[in-house]
Amino acid sequence: MRVLVLALIAMAMATSQAFAHHALGGAVPLSFEAGFVSGLAHPIINFDHFAFVVAVGVFTAVAQGSVLLPVLFVLGTVAGCIASTQGLQVPNVTLLIPVSVAIVGATLALGRARIGQAGLGLFVLAGVLHGLGYAQSIIGSQNNSLAGYLIGFTIVQTAVALAAMWAAYSLWCGDRLYANARVAGGVIAGIGLTMLFQNGVALMLPAPV
């Protein structure tokens, strides 16, 4: 019942924020300051990105992994964003991002939180994927605003991931850590599936111009 209630709340929040992809009302940031503010906001107002970053922190706590895991993920987002501004395009990235959220959530929910070298590589790859999504709000801007944007989302993602890891360690002591992490994983997987459905509908039924 607890999982169901949390999942429903999270899905409702995801639904209400599904298309909140821009901190500046859809405008492309044209200054360092505007880029910085947009970078700070983007990982928070986009619920799929936020859910994945939280999952990175919880995953690190459960797997007793190195704090390098959040760092590697964040570096992946920076690399993906820069690569996108240089012309790299990946088809259906708006669908692949929520898929990654659903997968990491399901992995937590099933209690499979071992991290090997291949696992670290997958988190870097997921970071690149999310970075491609971040770039959609900055393409066409000036170089100084891009720098601000990168710094902004690097700071907020690192802070959220480390906060989630610290909270898991501090609030879910002992065996509760693993049990609650599985609950969190179920909620995160639900968010990913909800966003996947919404983004799929948006692609099939685009809003009239």
N, C-alpha and C. Protein backbone atom coordinates (compact mmCIF):
# COMPACT_ATOMS: atom_id res chain seq x y z
N MET A 1 0.83 -1.20 0.00
CA MET A 1 0.00 0.00 0.00
C MET A 1 0.87 1.26 0.00
N ARG A 2 1.96 1.23 0.79
CA ARG A 2 2.85 2.40 0.83
C ARG A 2 3.46 2.67 -0.54
N VAL A 3 3.89 1.59 -1.20
CA VAL A 3 4.45 1.74 -2.55
C VAL A 3 3.42 2.35 -3.49
N LEU A 4 2.18 1.85 -3.41
CA LEU A 4 1.13 2.33 -4.30
C LEU A 4 0.84 3.80 -4.09
N VAL A 5 0.73 4.22 -2.82
CA VAL A 5 0.45 5.62 -2.52
C VAL A 5 1.57 6.52 -3.02
N LEU A 6 2.81 6.14 -2.71
CA LEU A 6 3.94 6.95 -3.16
C LEU A 6 4.01 7.01 -4.68
N ALA A 7 3.75 5.89 -5.32
CA ALA A 7 3.80 5.86 -6.78
C ALA A 7 2.73 6.76 -7.39
N LEU A 8 1.53 6.73 -6.83
CA LEU A 8 0.46 7.57 -7.35
C LEU A 8 0.78 9.05 -7.18
N ILE A 9 1.34 9.42 -6.03
CA ILE A 9 1.73 10.82 -5.80
C ILE A 9 2.79 11.24 -6.80
N ALA A 10 3.79 10.39 -6.96
CA ALA A 10 4.88 10.72 -7.88
C ALA A 10 4.40 10.83 -9.31
N MET A 11 3.51 9.92 -9.71
CA MET A 11 2.98 9.97 -11.07
C MET A 11 2.16 11.23 -11.30
N ALA A 12 1.41 11.63 -10.29
CA ALA A 12 0.63 12.86 -10.41
C ALA A 12 1.53 14.06 -10.60
N MET A 13 2.64 14.09 -9.84
CA MET A 13 3.59 15.19 -9.99
C MET A 13 4.26 15.14 -11.35
N ALA A 14 4.58 13.95 -11.80
CA ALA A 14 5.18 13.82 -13.13
C ALA A 14 4.23 14.29 -14.21
N THR A 15 2.96 13.95 -14.06
CA THR A 15 1.96 14.37 -15.04
C THR A 15 1.85 15.88 -15.10
N SER A 16 1.86 16.53 -13.95
CA SER A 16 1.70 17.99 -13.92
C SER A 16 2.91 18.71 -14.44
N GLN A 17 4.08 18.03 -14.45
CA GLN A 17 5.30 18.69 -14.87
C GLN A 17 5.86 18.11 -16.17
N ALA A 18 5.07 17.31 -16.86
CA ALA A 18 5.59 16.56 -17.99
C ALA A 18 6.20 17.44 -19.06
N PHE A 19 5.63 18.63 -19.25
CA PHE A 19 6.12 19.47 -20.34
C PHE A 19 6.80 20.73 -19.84
N ALA A 20 7.21 20.73 -18.57
CA ALA A 20 7.90 21.90 -18.01
C ALA A 20 9.39 21.78 -18.29
N HIS A 21 9.78 21.95 -19.53
CA HIS A 21 11.15 21.70 -19.93
C HIS A 21 12.02 22.95 -19.94
N HIS A 22 11.46 24.09 -19.66
CA HIS A 22 12.25 25.30 -19.74
C HIS A 22 12.02 26.18 -18.51
N ALA A 23 13.14 26.65 -17.94
CA ALA A 23 13.03 27.52 -16.76
C ALA A 23 12.73 28.95 -17.16
N LEU A 24 12.92 29.30 -18.42
CA LEU A 24 12.77 30.68 -18.88
C LEU A 24 11.55 30.84 -19.78
N GLY A 25 10.54 30.04 -19.56
CA GLY A 25 9.32 30.14 -20.35
C GLY A 25 9.50 29.76 -21.80
N GLY A 26 10.47 28.91 -22.10
CA GLY A 26 10.71 28.48 -23.46
C GLY A 26 11.75 29.31 -24.19
N ALA A 27 12.18 30.43 -23.59
CA ALA A 27 13.18 31.28 -24.23
C ALA A 27 14.58 30.67 -24.09
N VAL A 28 15.39 30.81 -25.13
CA VAL A 28 16.77 30.32 -25.08
C VAL A 28 17.61 31.31 -24.28
N PRO A 29 18.36 30.87 -23.27
CA PRO A 29 19.20 31.80 -22.50
C PRO A 29 20.30 32.41 -23.36
N LEU A 30 20.50 33.71 -23.22
CA LEU A 30 21.47 34.42 -24.05
C LEU A 30 22.58 35.09 -23.25
N SER A 31 22.66 34.80 -21.98
CA SER A 31 23.73 35.34 -21.15
C SER A 31 24.19 34.26 -20.18
N PHE A 32 25.36 34.48 -19.58
CA PHE A 32 25.87 33.50 -18.62
C PHE A 32 24.90 33.33 -17.47
N GLU A 33 24.37 34.44 -16.96
CA GLU A 33 23.46 34.38 -15.82
C GLU A 33 22.19 33.60 -16.16
N ALA A 34 21.61 33.89 -17.34
CA ALA A 34 20.39 33.19 -17.75
C ALA A 34 20.66 31.71 -17.95
N GLY A 35 21.81 31.39 -18.55
CA GLY A 35 22.18 30.00 -18.74
C GLY A 35 22.37 29.28 -17.41
N PHE A 36 22.97 29.97 -16.44
CA PHE A 36 23.20 29.39 -15.12
C PHE A 36 21.88 29.08 -14.42
N VAL A 37 20.96 30.04 -14.46
CA VAL A 37 19.65 29.83 -13.83
C VAL A 37 18.91 28.68 -14.51
N SER A 38 18.95 28.64 -15.83
CA SER A 38 18.27 27.57 -16.56
C SER A 38 18.89 26.22 -16.23
N GLY A 39 20.23 26.20 -16.11
CA GLY A 39 20.91 24.95 -15.76
C GLY A 39 20.56 24.48 -14.37
N LEU A 40 20.44 25.41 -13.43
CA LEU A 40 20.04 25.03 -12.07
C LEU A 40 18.63 24.45 -12.05
N ALA A 41 17.74 25.02 -12.85
CA ALA A 41 16.33 24.64 -12.80
C ALA A 41 16.01 23.37 -13.58
N HIS A 42 16.70 23.16 -14.69
CA HIS A 42 16.29 22.09 -15.62
C HIS A 42 16.22 20.71 -14.96
N PRO A 43 17.25 20.29 -14.19
CA PRO A 43 17.16 18.96 -13.59
C PRO A 43 16.09 18.84 -12.51
N ILE A 44 15.55 19.96 -12.04
CA ILE A 44 14.54 19.94 -10.99
C ILE A 44 13.14 19.95 -11.59
N ILE A 45 12.91 20.81 -12.58
CA ILE A 45 11.56 20.95 -13.13
C ILE A 45 11.23 19.84 -14.12
N ASN A 46 12.22 19.10 -14.58
CA ASN A 46 11.98 17.94 -15.43
C ASN A 46 12.01 16.69 -14.56
N PHE A 47 10.85 16.13 -14.32
CA PHE A 47 10.73 15.10 -13.30
C PHE A 47 11.47 13.82 -13.67
N ASP A 48 11.62 13.53 -14.95
CA ASP A 48 12.35 12.32 -15.32
C ASP A 48 13.83 12.47 -15.00
N HIS A 49 14.41 13.65 -15.31
CA HIS A 49 15.80 13.90 -14.95
C HIS A 49 15.99 13.84 -13.43
N PHE A 50 15.10 14.52 -12.71
CA PHE A 50 15.22 14.58 -11.25
C PHE A 50 15.14 13.18 -10.64
N ALA A 51 14.19 12.37 -11.12
CA ALA A 51 14.03 11.02 -10.59
C ALA A 51 15.28 10.19 -10.82
N PHE A 52 15.90 10.36 -11.98
CA PHE A 52 17.10 9.56 -12.27
C PHE A 52 18.25 9.99 -11.37
N VAL A 53 18.42 11.29 -11.17
CA VAL A 53 19.51 11.77 -10.32
C VAL A 53 19.32 11.26 -8.89
N VAL A 54 18.09 11.29 -8.38
CA VAL A 54 17.81 10.73 -7.06
C VAL A 54 18.16 9.24 -7.04
N ALA A 55 17.80 8.53 -8.09
CA ALA A 55 18.10 7.10 -8.18
C ALA A 55 19.61 6.85 -8.14
N VAL A 56 20.38 7.72 -8.76
CA VAL A 56 21.84 7.58 -8.73
C VAL A 56 22.34 7.64 -7.29
N GLY A 57 21.82 8.60 -6.51
CA GLY A 57 22.23 8.72 -5.12
C GLY A 57 21.83 7.52 -4.29
N VAL A 58 20.58 7.07 -4.43
CA VAL A 58 20.10 5.90 -3.68
C VAL A 58 20.86 4.65 -4.11
N PHE A 59 21.10 4.52 -5.39
CA PHE A 59 21.83 3.37 -5.92
C PHE A 59 23.23 3.32 -5.31
N THR A 60 23.88 4.46 -5.20
CA THR A 60 25.22 4.51 -4.62
C THR A 60 25.20 4.07 -3.16
N ALA A 61 24.20 4.50 -2.42
CA ALA A 61 24.09 4.12 -1.01
C ALA A 61 23.83 2.62 -0.86
N VAL A 62 22.92 2.09 -1.64
CA VAL A 62 22.55 0.68 -1.52
C VAL A 62 23.70 -0.23 -1.94
N ALA A 63 24.38 0.13 -3.00
CA ALA A 63 25.45 -0.72 -3.53
C ALA A 63 26.75 -0.52 -2.78
N GLN A 64 26.75 0.41 -1.80
CA GLN A 64 27.98 0.73 -1.08
C GLN A 64 29.08 1.09 -2.09
N GLY A 65 28.67 1.76 -3.13
CA GLY A 65 29.60 2.11 -4.19
C GLY A 65 30.35 3.40 -3.90
N SER A 66 31.26 3.68 -4.74
CA SER A 66 32.05 4.89 -4.59
C SER A 66 31.20 6.11 -4.93
N VAL A 67 31.54 7.24 -4.29
CA VAL A 67 30.86 8.49 -4.62
C VAL A 67 31.22 8.92 -6.04
N LEU A 68 32.11 8.18 -6.68
CA LEU A 68 32.42 8.46 -8.08
C LEU A 68 31.23 8.21 -8.99
N LEU A 69 30.29 7.36 -8.54
CA LEU A 69 29.14 7.05 -9.39
C LEU A 69 28.35 8.31 -9.75
N PRO A 70 27.94 9.16 -8.77
CA PRO A 70 27.28 10.40 -9.15
C PRO A 70 28.15 11.30 -10.01
N VAL A 71 29.44 11.33 -9.71
CA VAL A 71 30.35 12.18 -10.49
C VAL A 71 30.41 11.71 -11.93
N LEU A 72 30.52 10.39 -12.12
CA LEU A 72 30.58 9.85 -13.48
C LEU A 72 29.30 10.14 -14.25
N PHE A 73 28.16 9.99 -13.57
CA PHE A 73 26.90 10.29 -14.23
C PHE A 73 26.84 11.76 -14.65
N VAL A 74 27.20 12.67 -13.74
CA VAL A 74 27.14 14.10 -14.04
C VAL A 74 28.10 14.44 -15.17
N LEU A 75 29.30 13.87 -15.15
CA LEU A 75 30.25 14.13 -16.25
C LEU A 75 29.67 13.63 -17.57
N GLY A 76 28.93 12.53 -17.51
CA GLY A 76 28.27 12.03 -18.72
C GLY A 76 27.24 13.01 -19.26
N THR A 77 26.48 13.67 -18.34
CA THR A 77 25.49 14.64 -18.80
C THR A 77 26.16 15.84 -19.46
N VAL A 78 27.30 16.26 -18.89
CA VAL A 78 28.04 17.38 -19.48
C VAL A 78 28.52 17.00 -20.88
N ALA A 79 29.10 15.81 -21.00
CA ALA A 79 29.60 15.35 -22.31
C ALA A 79 28.46 15.25 -23.32
N GLY A 80 27.32 14.72 -22.89
CA GLY A 80 26.19 14.58 -23.80
C GLY A 80 25.65 15.92 -24.26
N CYS A 81 25.57 16.87 -23.33
CA CYS A 81 25.07 18.19 -23.68
C CYS A 81 25.99 18.88 -24.69
N ILE A 82 27.29 18.82 -24.42
CA ILE A 82 28.25 19.44 -25.34
C ILE A 82 28.20 18.77 -26.70
N ALA A 83 28.15 17.42 -26.70
CA ALA A 83 28.10 16.70 -27.96
C ALA A 83 26.87 17.08 -28.77
N SER A 84 25.75 17.27 -28.11
CA SER A 84 24.53 17.65 -28.81
C SER A 84 24.65 19.04 -29.43
N THR A 85 25.25 19.97 -28.70
CA THR A 85 25.43 21.32 -29.26
C THR A 85 26.39 21.32 -30.43
N GLN A 86 27.22 20.28 -30.53
CA GLN A 86 28.14 20.16 -31.65
C GLN A 86 27.57 19.35 -32.81
N GLY A 87 26.30 18.95 -32.67
CA GLY A 87 25.64 18.31 -33.80
C GLY A 87 25.24 16.86 -33.61
N LEU A 88 25.61 16.24 -32.47
CA LEU A 88 25.21 14.85 -32.25
C LEU A 88 23.71 14.76 -32.02
N GLN A 89 23.04 13.91 -32.75
CA GLN A 89 21.61 13.72 -32.61
C GLN A 89 21.31 12.24 -32.40
N VAL A 90 20.49 11.94 -31.42
CA VAL A 90 20.07 10.56 -31.16
C VAL A 90 18.55 10.51 -31.33
N PRO A 91 18.06 9.66 -32.22
CA PRO A 91 16.60 9.59 -32.44
C PRO A 91 15.85 9.19 -31.17
N ASN A 92 14.68 9.81 -30.99
CA ASN A 92 13.76 9.44 -29.90
C ASN A 92 14.37 9.58 -28.51
N VAL A 93 15.22 10.59 -28.32
CA VAL A 93 15.84 10.77 -27.01
C VAL A 93 14.79 11.05 -25.93
N THR A 94 13.67 11.68 -26.32
CA THR A 94 12.62 11.97 -25.34
C THR A 94 11.93 10.70 -24.84
N LEU A 95 12.08 9.61 -25.60
CA LEU A 95 11.55 8.32 -25.14
C LEU A 95 12.62 7.52 -24.39
N LEU A 96 13.86 7.65 -24.82
CA LEU A 96 14.93 6.88 -24.21
C LEU A 96 15.22 7.34 -22.78
N ILE A 97 15.04 8.63 -22.50
CA ILE A 97 15.31 9.13 -21.15
C ILE A 97 14.36 8.50 -20.13
N PRO A 98 13.04 8.54 -20.33
CA PRO A 98 12.17 7.87 -19.35
C PRO A 98 12.37 6.36 -19.30
N VAL A 99 12.81 5.75 -20.41
CA VAL A 99 13.13 4.33 -20.39
C VAL A 99 14.28 4.08 -19.40
N SER A 100 15.28 4.96 -19.44
CA SER A 100 16.41 4.80 -18.51
C SER A 100 15.95 4.97 -17.07
N VAL A 101 15.00 5.88 -16.83
CA VAL A 101 14.47 6.07 -15.49
C VAL A 101 13.74 4.81 -15.03
N ALA A 102 12.91 4.25 -15.90
CA ALA A 102 12.18 3.03 -15.55
C ALA A 102 13.13 1.87 -15.26
N ILE A 103 14.20 1.77 -16.03
CA ILE A 103 15.15 0.66 -15.85
C ILE A 103 15.89 0.79 -14.52
N VAL A 104 16.41 1.97 -14.21
CA VAL A 104 17.16 2.12 -12.96
C VAL A 104 16.23 1.97 -11.77
N GLY A 105 14.98 2.44 -11.90
CA GLY A 105 14.01 2.25 -10.82
C GLY A 105 13.68 0.79 -10.61
N ALA A 106 13.45 0.06 -11.70
CA ALA A 106 13.14 -1.36 -11.60
C ALA A 106 14.31 -2.15 -11.02
N THR A 107 15.52 -1.74 -11.37
CA THR A 107 16.71 -2.41 -10.82
C THR A 107 16.77 -2.25 -9.31
N LEU A 108 16.49 -1.06 -8.82
CA LEU A 108 16.43 -0.83 -7.38
C LEU A 108 15.29 -1.63 -6.75
N ALA A 109 14.13 -1.61 -7.38
CA ALA A 109 12.96 -2.28 -6.82
C ALA A 109 13.17 -3.79 -6.70
N LEU A 110 13.93 -4.36 -7.62
CA LEU A 110 14.18 -5.79 -7.60
C LEU A 110 15.34 -6.17 -6.69
N GLY A 111 15.97 -5.16 -6.09
CA GLY A 111 17.08 -5.42 -5.17
C GLY A 111 18.38 -5.78 -5.85
N ARG A 112 18.50 -5.43 -7.11
CA ARG A 112 19.73 -5.74 -7.86
C ARG A 112 20.57 -4.48 -7.97
N ALA A 113 21.43 -4.28 -7.01
CA ALA A 113 22.17 -3.02 -6.94
C ALA A 113 23.67 -3.22 -6.90
N ARG A 114 24.15 -4.28 -7.51
CA ARG A 114 25.59 -4.48 -7.62
C ARG A 114 26.15 -3.61 -8.73
N ILE A 115 27.27 -3.00 -8.45
CA ILE A 115 27.88 -2.13 -9.46
C ILE A 115 29.27 -2.65 -9.80
N GLY A 116 29.44 -3.10 -11.03
CA GLY A 116 30.76 -3.48 -11.52
C GLY A 116 31.24 -2.44 -12.52
N GLN A 117 32.30 -2.77 -13.21
CA GLN A 117 32.83 -1.84 -14.21
C GLN A 117 31.81 -1.59 -15.31
N ALA A 118 31.10 -2.64 -15.72
CA ALA A 118 30.08 -2.48 -16.75
C ALA A 118 28.97 -1.58 -16.25
N GLY A 119 28.60 -1.73 -14.96
CA GLY A 119 27.55 -0.89 -14.39
C GLY A 119 27.93 0.58 -14.38
N LEU A 120 29.18 0.85 -14.05
CA LEU A 120 29.65 2.24 -14.06
C LEU A 120 29.55 2.81 -15.47
N GLY A 121 29.92 1.99 -16.45
CA GLY A 121 29.83 2.44 -17.83
C GLY A 121 28.41 2.74 -18.26
N LEU A 122 27.47 1.94 -17.77
CA LEU A 122 26.06 2.18 -18.11
C LEU A 122 25.56 3.48 -17.51
N PHE A 123 26.03 3.82 -16.30
CA PHE A 123 25.63 5.09 -15.71
C PHE A 123 26.23 6.26 -16.48
N VAL A 124 27.43 6.12 -16.96
CA VAL A 124 28.01 7.18 -17.81
C VAL A 124 27.19 7.32 -19.08
N LEU A 125 26.83 6.19 -19.69
CA LEU A 125 26.02 6.22 -20.91
C LEU A 125 24.67 6.87 -20.64
N ALA A 126 24.06 6.54 -19.50
CA ALA A 126 22.79 7.18 -19.14
C ALA A 126 22.98 8.68 -18.96
N GLY A 127 24.12 9.07 -18.38
CA GLY A 127 24.41 10.49 -18.24
C GLY A 127 24.48 11.19 -19.58
N VAL A 128 25.13 10.56 -20.55
CA VAL A 128 25.22 11.14 -21.90
C VAL A 128 23.82 11.31 -22.47
N LEU A 129 22.99 10.30 -22.28
CA LEU A 129 21.61 10.36 -22.79
C LEU A 129 20.84 11.52 -22.17
N HIS A 130 20.95 11.68 -20.86
CA HIS A 130 20.26 12.78 -20.20
C HIS A 130 20.85 14.12 -20.62
N GLY A 131 22.15 14.15 -20.86
CA GLY A 131 22.78 15.38 -21.33
C GLY A 131 22.26 15.81 -22.69
N LEU A 132 21.98 14.83 -23.56
CA LEU A 132 21.37 15.15 -24.86
C LEU A 132 20.01 15.79 -24.66
N GLY A 133 19.29 15.32 -23.66
CA GLY A 133 17.99 15.93 -23.35
C GLY A 133 18.15 17.34 -22.82
N TYR A 134 19.13 17.55 -21.95
CA TYR A 134 19.36 18.89 -21.42
C TYR A 134 19.67 19.89 -22.55
N ALA A 135 20.38 19.42 -23.56
CA ALA A 135 20.83 20.31 -24.62
C ALA A 135 19.68 20.92 -25.40
N GLN A 136 18.51 20.31 -25.36
CA GLN A 136 17.38 20.82 -26.12
C GLN A 136 16.96 22.21 -25.68
N SER A 137 17.35 22.59 -24.45
CA SER A 137 16.99 23.91 -23.94
C SER A 137 18.05 24.96 -24.20
N ILE A 138 19.20 24.54 -24.75
CA ILE A 138 20.31 25.48 -24.87
C ILE A 138 20.80 25.65 -26.30
N ILE A 139 20.39 24.73 -27.21
CA ILE A 139 20.85 24.83 -28.60
C ILE A 139 20.40 26.15 -29.20
N GLY A 140 21.34 26.84 -29.83
CA GLY A 140 21.05 28.14 -30.42
C GLY A 140 21.46 29.30 -29.53
N SER A 141 21.93 29.00 -28.34
CA SER A 141 22.35 30.08 -27.43
C SER A 141 23.79 30.48 -27.72
N GLN A 142 24.27 31.45 -26.97
CA GLN A 142 25.65 31.91 -27.11
C GLN A 142 26.57 31.06 -26.23
N ASN A 143 27.89 31.12 -26.53
CA ASN A 143 28.84 30.28 -25.81
C ASN A 143 28.85 30.57 -24.31
N ASN A 144 28.73 31.84 -23.93
CA ASN A 144 28.79 32.14 -22.49
C ASN A 144 27.57 31.61 -21.75
N SER A 145 26.42 31.59 -22.41
CA SER A 145 25.23 31.04 -21.75
C SER A 145 25.35 29.52 -21.65
N LEU A 146 25.99 28.88 -22.62
CA LEU A 146 26.22 27.44 -22.55
C LEU A 146 27.10 27.10 -21.35
N ALA A 147 28.14 27.90 -21.14
CA ALA A 147 29.02 27.68 -19.99
C ALA A 147 28.24 27.79 -18.69
N GLY A 148 27.39 28.81 -18.57
CA GLY A 148 26.58 28.97 -17.37
C GLY A 148 25.62 27.82 -17.18
N TYR A 149 25.04 27.35 -18.28
CA TYR A 149 24.09 26.24 -18.25
C TYR A 149 24.77 24.97 -17.75
N LEU A 150 25.95 24.68 -18.28
CA LEU A 150 26.69 23.49 -17.88
C LEU A 150 27.05 23.54 -16.40
N ILE A 151 27.53 24.69 -15.95
CA ILE A 151 27.89 24.85 -14.54
C ILE A 151 26.66 24.68 -13.66
N GLY A 152 25.54 25.28 -14.07
CA GLY A 152 24.32 25.22 -13.29
C GLY A 152 23.82 23.80 -13.10
N PHE A 153 23.69 23.04 -14.19
CA PHE A 153 23.13 21.71 -14.02
C PHE A 153 24.14 20.73 -13.42
N THR A 154 25.44 21.03 -13.55
CA THR A 154 26.45 20.21 -12.88
C THR A 154 26.33 20.35 -11.36
N ILE A 155 26.18 21.59 -10.90
CA ILE A 155 26.05 21.84 -9.46
C ILE A 155 24.80 21.19 -8.90
N VAL A 156 23.66 21.41 -9.53
CA VAL A 156 22.40 20.93 -8.93
C VAL A 156 22.31 19.41 -9.00
N GLN A 157 22.77 18.80 -10.08
CA GLN A 157 22.73 17.34 -10.15
C GLN A 157 23.63 16.69 -9.11
N THR A 158 24.83 17.23 -8.95
CA THR A 158 25.75 16.69 -7.95
C THR A 158 25.16 16.83 -6.55
N ALA A 159 24.56 18.00 -6.28
CA ALA A 159 23.98 18.23 -4.96
C ALA A 159 22.81 17.28 -4.69
N VAL A 160 21.94 17.09 -5.68
CA VAL A 160 20.77 16.22 -5.49
C VAL A 160 21.21 14.77 -5.30
N ALA A 161 22.15 14.29 -6.11
CA ALA A 161 22.61 12.91 -6.00
C ALA A 161 23.27 12.65 -4.65
N LEU A 162 24.15 13.56 -4.23
CA LEU A 162 24.84 13.37 -2.95
C LEU A 162 23.86 13.51 -1.79
N ALA A 163 22.88 14.40 -1.91
CA ALA A 163 21.87 14.54 -0.86
C ALA A 163 21.03 13.28 -0.74
N ALA A 164 20.67 12.69 -1.88
CA ALA A 164 19.89 11.44 -1.86
C ALA A 164 20.71 10.31 -1.24
N MET A 165 21.98 10.27 -1.56
CA MET A 165 22.85 9.24 -0.98
C MET A 165 22.97 9.44 0.53
N TRP A 166 23.21 10.67 0.97
CA TRP A 166 23.33 10.97 2.40
C TRP A 166 22.02 10.66 3.13
N ALA A 167 20.90 11.04 2.53
CA ALA A 167 19.61 10.79 3.17
C ALA A 167 19.36 9.29 3.32
N ALA A 168 19.72 8.52 2.30
CA ALA A 168 19.53 7.07 2.38
C ALA A 168 20.37 6.47 3.49
N TYR A 169 21.62 6.89 3.58
CA TYR A 169 22.49 6.41 4.65
C TYR A 169 21.97 6.82 6.02
N SER A 170 21.52 8.07 6.15
CA SER A 170 21.18 8.62 7.45
C SER A 170 19.80 8.21 7.94
N LEU A 171 18.82 8.15 7.04
CA LEU A 171 17.43 7.91 7.45
C LEU A 171 17.03 6.44 7.37
N TRP A 172 17.70 5.68 6.50
CA TRP A 172 17.33 4.27 6.33
C TRP A 172 18.45 3.39 6.87
N CYS A 173 18.56 3.32 8.18
CA CYS A 173 19.66 2.62 8.82
C CYS A 173 19.50 1.10 8.69
N GLY A 174 20.63 0.39 8.61
CA GLY A 174 20.60 -1.06 8.62
C GLY A 174 19.79 -1.66 7.49
N ASP A 175 18.97 -2.65 7.86
CA ASP A 175 18.17 -3.35 6.84
C ASP A 175 17.13 -2.45 6.20
N ARG A 176 16.74 -1.38 6.89
CA ARG A 176 15.74 -0.46 6.32
C ARG A 176 16.26 0.18 5.04
N LEU A 177 17.57 0.32 4.93
CA LEU A 177 18.15 0.93 3.74
C LEU A 177 17.72 0.16 2.49
N TYR A 178 17.84 -1.15 2.53
CA TYR A 178 17.55 -1.97 1.35
C TYR A 178 16.05 -2.05 1.09
N ALA A 179 15.26 -2.17 2.16
CA ALA A 179 13.81 -2.25 1.99
C ALA A 179 13.26 -0.94 1.42
N ASN A 180 13.67 0.17 1.99
CA ASN A 180 13.17 1.47 1.52
C ASN A 180 13.70 1.82 0.14
N ALA A 181 14.92 1.37 -0.15
CA ALA A 181 15.47 1.62 -1.49
C ALA A 181 14.64 0.89 -2.54
N ARG A 182 14.12 -0.28 -2.19
CA ARG A 182 13.27 -1.01 -3.14
C ARG A 182 11.95 -0.27 -3.35
N VAL A 183 11.42 0.31 -2.27
CA VAL A 183 10.20 1.13 -2.41
C VAL A 183 10.48 2.33 -3.31
N ALA A 184 11.59 3.02 -3.03
CA ALA A 184 11.96 4.17 -3.86
C ALA A 184 12.13 3.77 -5.31
N GLY A 185 12.72 2.59 -5.53
CA GLY A 185 12.91 2.11 -6.89
C GLY A 185 11.59 1.89 -7.60
N GLY A 186 10.60 1.35 -6.88
CA GLY A 186 9.29 1.15 -7.49
C GLY A 186 8.65 2.47 -7.89
N VAL A 187 8.79 3.48 -7.03
CA VAL A 187 8.24 4.80 -7.35
C VAL A 187 8.94 5.39 -8.56
N ILE A 188 10.28 5.29 -8.57
CA ILE A 188 11.05 5.85 -9.68
C ILE A 188 10.70 5.14 -10.99
N ALA A 189 10.55 3.82 -10.94
CA ALA A 189 10.14 3.08 -12.14
C ALA A 189 8.77 3.54 -12.63
N GLY A 190 7.86 3.80 -11.68
CA GLY A 190 6.54 4.30 -12.05
C GLY A 190 6.61 5.66 -12.73
N ILE A 191 7.50 6.52 -12.22
CA ILE A 191 7.69 7.83 -12.84
C ILE A 191 8.19 7.66 -14.28
N GLY A 192 9.17 6.77 -14.46
CA GLY A 192 9.71 6.54 -15.80
C GLY A 192 8.65 6.06 -16.77
N LEU A 193 7.81 5.12 -16.34
CA LEU A 193 6.76 4.60 -17.21
C LEU A 193 5.71 5.66 -17.52
N THR A 194 5.40 6.48 -16.50
CA THR A 194 4.43 7.57 -16.72
C THR A 194 4.94 8.56 -17.75
N MET A 195 6.20 8.96 -17.59
CA MET A 195 6.79 9.92 -18.54
C MET A 195 6.92 9.31 -19.92
N LEU A 196 7.24 8.02 -19.98
CA LEU A 196 7.34 7.34 -21.28
C LEU A 196 6.00 7.37 -21.99
N PHE A 197 4.93 7.09 -21.27
CA PHE A 197 3.59 7.12 -21.86
C PHE A 197 3.25 8.52 -22.36
N GLN A 198 3.51 9.53 -21.52
CA GLN A 198 3.16 10.90 -21.89
C GLN A 198 3.98 11.37 -23.09
N ASN A 199 5.27 11.08 -23.08
CA ASN A 199 6.11 11.51 -24.20
C ASN A 199 5.74 10.78 -25.48
N GLY A 200 5.36 9.50 -25.34
CA GLY A 200 4.92 8.75 -26.52
C GLY A 200 3.65 9.33 -27.11
N VAL A 201 2.70 9.69 -26.24
CA VAL A 201 1.47 10.31 -26.71
C VAL A 201 1.76 11.65 -27.38
N ALA A 202 2.69 12.43 -26.78
CA ALA A 202 3.03 13.73 -27.34
C ALA A 202 3.64 13.60 -28.73
N LEU A 203 4.43 12.54 -28.95
CA LEU A 203 5.03 12.33 -30.27
C LEU A 203 4.00 11.89 -31.30
N MET A 204 3.05 11.05 -30.86
CA MET A 204 2.03 10.56 -31.79
C MET A 204 0.94 11.59 -32.05
N LEU A 205 0.65 12.41 -31.05
CA LEU A 205 -0.41 13.42 -31.17
C LEU A 205 0.15 14.79 -30.82
N PRO A 206 0.98 15.36 -31.69
CA PRO A 206 1.59 16.67 -31.37
C PRO A 206 0.54 17.76 -31.23
N ALA A 207 0.83 18.70 -30.35
CA ALA A 207 -0.10 19.82 -30.13
C ALA A 207 -0.18 20.67 -31.38
N PRO A 208 -1.34 21.19 -31.71
CA PRO A 208 -1.48 22.04 -32.90
C PRO A 208 -0.68 23.32 -32.74
N VAL A 209 -0.06 23.76 -33.83
CA VAL A 209 0.74 24.99 -33.80
C VAL A 209 -0.16 26.20 -33.86
